[in-house]
């Protein structure tokens, strides 16, 4: 996917219209200043998911995971 690039001066003039376009199309816009990337405008995806509970109802434990096993481990050689 090719990201649309726009100069900072053009972004300043068209900011609100660009925000509507990004929301509508879902395609990000890269803002440059003197030819160098300085910012990226992308659609809001909501808050990031927290690590706690992310896999709830997706993993099933079968068997006993608490009792020791009969295999010796050699951690350091």
N, C-alpha and C. Protein backbone atom coordinates (compact mmCIF):
# COMPACT_ATOMS: atom_id res chain seq x y z
N UNK A 1 0.85 -1.17 0.00
CA UNK A 1 0.00 0.00 0.00
C UNK A 1 0.89 1.24 0.00
N UNK A 2 0.65 2.12 -0.91
CA UNK A 2 1.40 3.37 -1.01
C UNK A 2 0.72 4.43 -0.16
N UNK A 3 1.49 5.07 0.72
CA UNK A 3 0.96 6.09 1.61
C UNK A 3 1.02 7.43 0.90
N UNK A 4 -0.08 8.15 0.95
CA UNK A 4 -0.13 9.48 0.35
C UNK A 4 0.76 10.42 1.16
N UNK A 5 1.56 11.23 0.47
CA UNK A 5 2.45 12.19 1.11
C UNK A 5 1.98 13.60 0.80
N UNK A 6 2.05 14.47 1.80
CA UNK A 6 1.61 15.85 1.63
C UNK A 6 2.55 16.78 2.38
N UNK A 7 2.82 17.94 1.80
CA UNK A 7 3.68 18.93 2.46
C UNK A 7 2.95 19.54 3.66
N UNK A 8 3.72 19.94 4.66
CA UNK A 8 3.14 20.52 5.87
C UNK A 8 2.31 21.77 5.56
N UNK A 9 2.76 22.59 4.62
CA UNK A 9 2.01 23.80 4.27
C UNK A 9 0.65 23.46 3.66
N UNK A 10 0.61 22.42 2.84
CA UNK A 10 -0.66 21.97 2.25
C UNK A 10 -1.54 21.33 3.31
N UNK A 11 -0.92 20.58 4.22
CA UNK A 11 -1.67 19.96 5.32
C UNK A 11 -2.34 21.04 6.18
N UNK A 12 -1.60 22.10 6.45
CA UNK A 12 -2.14 23.19 7.26
C UNK A 12 -3.38 23.79 6.61
N UNK A 13 -3.35 23.97 5.30
CA UNK A 13 -4.47 24.57 4.58
C UNK A 13 -5.66 23.63 4.46
N UNK A 14 -5.41 22.31 4.43
CA UNK A 14 -6.47 21.34 4.15
C UNK A 14 -6.71 20.36 5.29
N UNK A 15 -6.29 20.71 6.48
CA UNK A 15 -6.31 19.79 7.62
C UNK A 15 -7.68 19.14 7.85
N UNK A 16 -8.73 19.92 7.98
CA UNK A 16 -10.04 19.35 8.29
C UNK A 16 -10.55 18.45 7.18
N UNK A 17 -10.34 18.85 5.94
CA UNK A 17 -10.76 18.01 4.81
C UNK A 17 -9.96 16.71 4.78
N UNK A 18 -8.67 16.78 5.08
CA UNK A 18 -7.85 15.57 5.12
C UNK A 18 -8.30 14.63 6.22
N UNK A 19 -8.66 15.18 7.37
CA UNK A 19 -9.14 14.32 8.46
C UNK A 19 -10.41 13.58 8.04
N UNK A 20 -11.31 14.26 7.36
CA UNK A 20 -12.53 13.61 6.86
C UNK A 20 -12.19 12.52 5.85
N UNK A 21 -11.24 12.81 4.96
CA UNK A 21 -10.85 11.85 3.93
C UNK A 21 -10.22 10.60 4.55
N UNK A 22 -9.35 10.79 5.53
CA UNK A 22 -8.70 9.65 6.19
C UNK A 22 -9.74 8.80 6.93
N UNK A 23 -10.69 9.46 7.56
CA UNK A 23 -11.74 8.71 8.26
C UNK A 23 -12.59 7.92 7.26
N UNK A 24 -12.88 8.52 6.13
CA UNK A 24 -13.73 7.88 5.12
C UNK A 24 -13.02 6.73 4.41
N UNK A 25 -11.77 6.95 4.00
CA UNK A 25 -11.04 5.94 3.21
C UNK A 25 -10.26 4.95 4.05
N UNK A 26 -9.85 5.38 5.25
CA UNK A 26 -9.03 4.51 6.09
C UNK A 26 -7.56 4.51 5.70
N UNK A 27 -7.18 5.32 4.70
CA UNK A 27 -5.79 5.36 4.24
C UNK A 27 -5.04 6.49 4.94
N UNK A 28 -3.85 6.20 5.48
CA UNK A 28 -3.09 7.23 6.18
C UNK A 28 -2.48 8.26 5.23
N UNK A 29 -2.12 9.42 5.79
CA UNK A 29 -1.46 10.48 5.05
C UNK A 29 -0.17 10.83 5.80
N UNK A 30 0.95 10.87 5.07
CA UNK A 30 2.24 11.21 5.65
C UNK A 30 2.50 12.69 5.40
N UNK A 31 2.77 13.43 6.48
CA UNK A 31 3.02 14.86 6.38
C UNK A 31 4.53 15.08 6.42
N UNK A 32 5.03 15.86 5.44
CA UNK A 32 6.47 16.11 5.36
C UNK A 32 6.77 17.59 5.52
N UNK A 33 7.97 17.85 5.99
CA UNK A 33 8.46 19.22 6.12
C UNK A 33 9.87 19.22 5.54
N UNK A 34 10.08 20.03 4.52
CA UNK A 34 11.36 20.04 3.80
C UNK A 34 11.71 18.65 3.26
N UNK A 35 10.70 17.91 2.83
CA UNK A 35 10.91 16.59 2.25
C UNK A 35 11.13 15.47 3.23
N UNK A 36 11.09 15.77 4.52
CA UNK A 36 11.32 14.74 5.55
C UNK A 36 10.02 14.46 6.30
N UNK A 37 9.70 13.20 6.54
CA UNK A 37 8.48 12.87 7.28
C UNK A 37 8.51 13.42 8.70
N UNK A 38 7.40 14.06 9.11
CA UNK A 38 7.32 14.58 10.48
C UNK A 38 6.10 14.07 11.23
N UNK A 39 5.06 13.65 10.50
CA UNK A 39 3.85 13.17 11.16
C UNK A 39 3.07 12.27 10.21
N UNK A 40 2.21 11.47 10.80
CA UNK A 40 1.34 10.61 10.00
C UNK A 40 -0.08 10.73 10.53
N UNK A 41 -1.01 10.99 9.64
CA UNK A 41 -2.42 11.08 10.00
C UNK A 41 -3.05 9.76 9.60
N UNK A 42 -3.60 9.07 10.57
CA UNK A 42 -4.23 7.77 10.29
C UNK A 42 -5.55 7.68 11.02
N UNK A 43 -6.44 6.79 10.58
CA UNK A 43 -7.74 6.66 11.26
C UNK A 43 -7.56 6.19 12.69
N UNK A 44 -8.43 6.65 13.55
CA UNK A 44 -8.39 6.26 14.96
C UNK A 44 -8.90 4.84 15.08
N UNK A 45 -8.12 4.00 15.73
CA UNK A 45 -8.48 2.59 15.88
C UNK A 45 -8.98 2.24 17.26
N UNK A 46 -9.21 3.22 18.09
CA UNK A 46 -9.64 2.95 19.45
C UNK A 46 -8.44 2.76 20.35
N UNK A 47 -8.68 2.67 21.64
CA UNK A 47 -7.57 2.50 22.57
C UNK A 47 -6.91 1.13 22.37
N UNK A 48 -5.61 1.04 22.61
CA UNK A 48 -4.94 -0.25 22.46
C UNK A 48 -5.47 -1.25 23.47
N UNK A 49 -5.52 -2.51 23.05
CA UNK A 49 -5.99 -3.55 23.95
C UNK A 49 -4.95 -3.82 25.02
N UNK A 50 -5.42 -4.00 26.23
CA UNK A 50 -4.53 -4.32 27.33
C UNK A 50 -4.16 -5.79 27.27
N UNK A 51 -3.02 -6.11 27.82
CA UNK A 51 -2.55 -7.48 27.81
C UNK A 51 -3.38 -8.41 28.68
N UNK A 52 -3.95 -7.87 29.76
CA UNK A 52 -4.72 -8.69 30.68
C UNK A 52 -6.08 -9.02 30.07
N UNK A 53 -6.37 -10.28 29.93
CA UNK A 53 -7.66 -10.70 29.44
C UNK A 53 -7.79 -10.76 27.94
N UNK A 54 -6.73 -10.47 27.20
CA UNK A 54 -6.81 -10.46 25.74
C UNK A 54 -7.16 -11.85 25.20
N UNK A 55 -6.65 -12.88 25.82
CA UNK A 55 -6.87 -14.23 25.33
C UNK A 55 -8.03 -14.95 26.03
N UNK A 56 -8.84 -14.22 26.77
CA UNK A 56 -9.97 -14.83 27.45
C UNK A 56 -10.88 -15.51 26.44
N UNK A 57 -11.29 -16.71 26.75
CA UNK A 57 -12.15 -17.54 25.90
C UNK A 57 -11.47 -17.98 24.61
N UNK A 58 -10.15 -17.80 24.48
CA UNK A 58 -9.45 -18.23 23.28
C UNK A 58 -8.47 -19.37 23.56
N UNK A 59 -8.16 -19.60 24.83
CA UNK A 59 -7.25 -20.67 25.20
C UNK A 59 -7.97 -21.63 26.13
N UNK A 60 -7.80 -22.90 25.87
CA UNK A 60 -8.41 -23.91 26.71
C UNK A 60 -7.31 -24.76 27.34
N UNK A 61 -7.32 -24.89 28.65
CA UNK A 61 -6.33 -25.70 29.34
C UNK A 61 -6.90 -27.09 29.51
N UNK A 62 -6.14 -28.07 29.04
CA UNK A 62 -6.56 -29.46 29.21
C UNK A 62 -5.50 -30.17 30.03
N UNK A 63 -5.91 -30.85 31.03
CA UNK A 63 -4.98 -31.56 31.89
C UNK A 63 -4.56 -30.72 33.08
N UNK A 64 -3.65 -31.28 33.84
CA UNK A 64 -3.17 -30.66 35.07
C UNK A 64 -1.92 -29.84 34.76
N UNK A 65 -1.98 -28.54 34.98
CA UNK A 65 -0.83 -27.69 34.70
C UNK A 65 -0.10 -27.27 35.97
N UNK A 66 -0.54 -27.74 37.13
CA UNK A 66 0.04 -27.32 38.39
C UNK A 66 0.99 -28.38 38.97
N UNK A 67 0.61 -29.63 38.88
CA UNK A 67 1.41 -30.71 39.47
C UNK A 67 2.76 -30.83 38.76
N UNK A 68 3.81 -31.20 39.51
CA UNK A 68 5.12 -31.38 38.88
C UNK A 68 5.12 -32.58 37.94
N UNK A 69 6.00 -32.51 36.97
CA UNK A 69 6.12 -33.63 36.04
C UNK A 69 7.29 -34.49 36.47
N UNK A 70 7.38 -35.69 35.93
CA UNK A 70 8.43 -36.63 36.33
C UNK A 70 9.68 -36.48 35.46
N UNK A 71 9.94 -35.32 34.94
CA UNK A 71 11.11 -35.11 34.10
C UNK A 71 12.03 -34.10 34.79
N UNK A 72 13.31 -34.44 34.86
CA UNK A 72 14.29 -33.54 35.47
C UNK A 72 14.77 -32.57 34.41
N UNK A 73 14.87 -31.32 34.78
CA UNK A 73 15.37 -30.29 33.87
C UNK A 73 16.78 -29.90 34.29
N UNK A 74 17.63 -29.69 33.34
CA UNK A 74 18.95 -29.22 33.63
C UNK A 74 19.06 -27.81 33.08
N UNK A 75 18.93 -26.84 33.98
CA UNK A 75 18.88 -25.45 33.56
C UNK A 75 20.25 -24.88 33.23
N UNK A 76 21.26 -25.28 33.97
CA UNK A 76 22.60 -24.74 33.74
C UNK A 76 23.57 -25.88 33.51
N UNK A 77 24.42 -25.68 32.55
CA UNK A 77 25.43 -26.72 32.26
C UNK A 77 26.79 -26.24 32.63
